[in-house]
Amino acid sequence: EEKDIKVETHSGLIKISAKKSNSSKIQGYLSRKLSEEKIIEKKLPKGINTKKFKYTFKNGILEIIFNKK
């Protein structure tokens, strides 16, 4: 869910972290895996405005939109 995702930018990097906040309806192994925070960090291309961006999460797809400088 979108509330479980956090997107940040700093020093030319994008950091995406996800952690399932409520996994009471999920059982066992999957619940443990989803409750662990997952972090992805990638270098961003030059020429984009890292201070202004927006993101959406629909049907399991995270879309992040940046503006050019």
C-alpha atoms as a PDB file:
ATOM      1  CA  GLU A   1       0.000   0.000   0.000  1.00  0.00           C
ATOM      2  CA  GLU A   2       1.129   3.569  -0.630  1.00  0.00           C
ATOM      3  CA  LYS A   3       1.245   4.356   3.106  1.00  0.00           C
ATOM      4  CA  ASP A   4       3.903   1.641   3.516  1.00  0.00           C
ATOM      5  CA  ILE A   5       6.291   3.298   1.021  1.00  0.00           C
ATOM      6  CA  LYS A   6       8.670   6.190   1.699  1.00  0.00           C
ATOM      7  CA  VAL A   7      10.571   7.985  -1.091  1.00  0.00           C
ATOM      8  CA  GLU A   8      13.439  10.415  -0.352  1.00  0.00           C
ATOM      9  CA  THR A   9      16.146  12.112  -2.386  1.00  0.00           C
ATOM     10  CA  HIS A  10      19.503  13.393  -1.184  1.00  0.00           C
ATOM     11  CA  SER A  11      22.915  14.070  -2.734  1.00  0.00           C
ATOM     12  CA  GLY A  12      21.880  12.845  -6.176  1.00  0.00           C
ATOM     13  CA  LEU A  13      20.444   9.593  -4.822  1.00  0.00           C
ATOM     14  CA  ILE A  14      16.922   8.277  -4.485  1.00  0.00           C
ATOM     15  CA  LYS A  15      16.067   6.100  -1.509  1.00  0.00           C
ATOM     16  CA  ILE A  16      12.925   3.982  -1.536  1.00  0.00           C
ATOM     17  CA  SER A  17      11.971   2.112   1.605  1.00  0.00           C
ATOM     18  CA  ALA A  18       8.989  -0.161   2.152  1.00  0.00           C
ATOM     19  CA  LYS A  19       7.716  -1.859   5.262  1.00  0.00           C
ATOM     20  CA  LYS A  20       4.301  -3.428   5.705  1.00  0.00           C
ATOM     21  CA  SER A  21       2.750  -1.713   8.703  1.00  0.00           C
ATOM     22  CA  ASN A  22      -0.186  -4.068   9.236  1.00  0.00           C
ATOM     23  CA  SER A  23       0.199  -7.687   8.239  1.00  0.00           C
ATOM     24  CA  SER A  24      -2.385  -9.161  10.577  1.00  0.00           C
ATOM     25  CA  LYS A  25      -4.303 -10.714   7.662  1.00  0.00           C
ATOM     26  CA  ILE A  26      -1.141 -12.391   6.344  1.00  0.00           C
ATOM     27  CA  GLN A  27       0.194 -15.532   7.967  1.00  0.00           C
ATOM     28  CA  GLY A  28       3.571 -17.028   8.840  1.00  0.00           C
ATOM     29  CA  TYR A  29       6.646 -16.653   6.663  1.00  0.00           C
ATOM     30  CA  LEU A  30       5.141 -14.012   4.362  1.00  0.00           C
ATOM     31  CA  SER A  31       4.143 -11.846   7.321  1.00  0.00           C
ATOM     32  CA  ARG A  32       7.718 -11.906   8.674  1.00  0.00           C
ATOM     33  CA  LYS A  33       9.213 -11.063   5.261  1.00  0.00           C
ATOM     34  CA  LEU A  34       6.804  -8.167   4.695  1.00  0.00           C
ATOM     35  CA  SER A  35       7.393  -6.710   8.148  1.00  0.00           C
ATOM     36  CA  GLU A  36      11.149  -6.370   7.441  1.00  0.00           C
ATOM     37  CA  GLU A  37      12.004  -2.998   5.942  1.00  0.00           C
ATOM     38  CA  LYS A  38      13.326  -3.172   2.377  1.00  0.00           C
ATOM     39  CA  ILE A  39      15.528  -0.316   1.148  1.00  0.00           C
ATOM     40  CA  ILE A  40      16.625   0.453  -2.414  1.00  0.00           C
ATOM     41  CA  GLU A  41      19.073   3.266  -3.166  1.00  0.00           C
ATOM     42  CA  LYS A  42      19.974   4.336  -6.704  1.00  0.00           C
ATOM     43  CA  LYS A  43      21.942   7.176  -8.266  1.00  0.00           C
ATOM     44  CA  LEU A  44      19.790   9.685 -10.130  1.00  0.00           C
ATOM     45  CA  PRO A  45      20.717  11.099 -13.545  1.00  0.00           C
ATOM     46  CA  LYS A  46      21.945  14.683 -13.735  1.00  0.00           C
ATOM     47  CA  GLY A  47      19.592  17.344 -15.001  1.00  0.00           C
ATOM     48  CA  ILE A  48      16.562  16.555 -12.860  1.00  0.00           C
ATOM     49  CA  ASN A  49      15.131  18.527  -9.976  1.00  0.00           C
ATOM     50  CA  THR A  50      15.520  16.196  -6.990  1.00  0.00           C
ATOM     51  CA  LYS A  51      13.706  18.548  -4.619  1.00  0.00           C
ATOM     52  CA  LYS A  52      10.380  18.380  -6.456  1.00  0.00           C
ATOM     53  CA  PHE A  53       8.929  15.022  -7.342  1.00  0.00           C
ATOM     54  CA  LYS A  54       5.730  13.089  -6.922  1.00  0.00           C
ATOM     55  CA  TYR A  55       4.970   9.419  -6.733  1.00  0.00           C
ATOM     56  CA  THR A  56       1.988   7.120  -6.966  1.00  0.00           C
ATOM     57  CA  PHE A  57       1.530   3.474  -6.115  1.00  0.00           C
ATOM     58  CA  LYS A  58      -1.243   1.651  -7.962  1.00  0.00           C
ATOM     59  CA  ASN A  59      -1.742  -2.074  -8.517  1.00  0.00           C
ATOM     60  CA  GLY A  60       1.699  -2.856  -7.101  1.00  0.00           C
ATOM     61  CA  ILE A  61       3.517  -0.386  -9.389  1.00  0.00           C
ATOM     62  CA  LEU A  62       5.459   2.563  -7.967  1.00  0.00           C
ATOM     63  CA  GLU A  63       5.721   5.497 -10.381  1.00  0.00           C
ATOM     64  CA  ILE A  64       8.033   8.411  -9.530  1.00  0.00           C
ATOM     65  CA  ILE A  65       7.958  11.580 -11.632  1.00  0.00           C
ATOM     66  CA  PHE A  66      10.732  14.202 -11.546  1.00  0.00           C
ATOM     67  CA  ASN A  67      10.894  17.559 -13.326  1.00  0.00           C
ATOM     68  CA  LYS A  68      13.873  18.660 -15.400  1.00  0.00           C
ATOM     69  CA  LYS A  69      16.061  21.472 -14.041  1.00  0.00           C
END
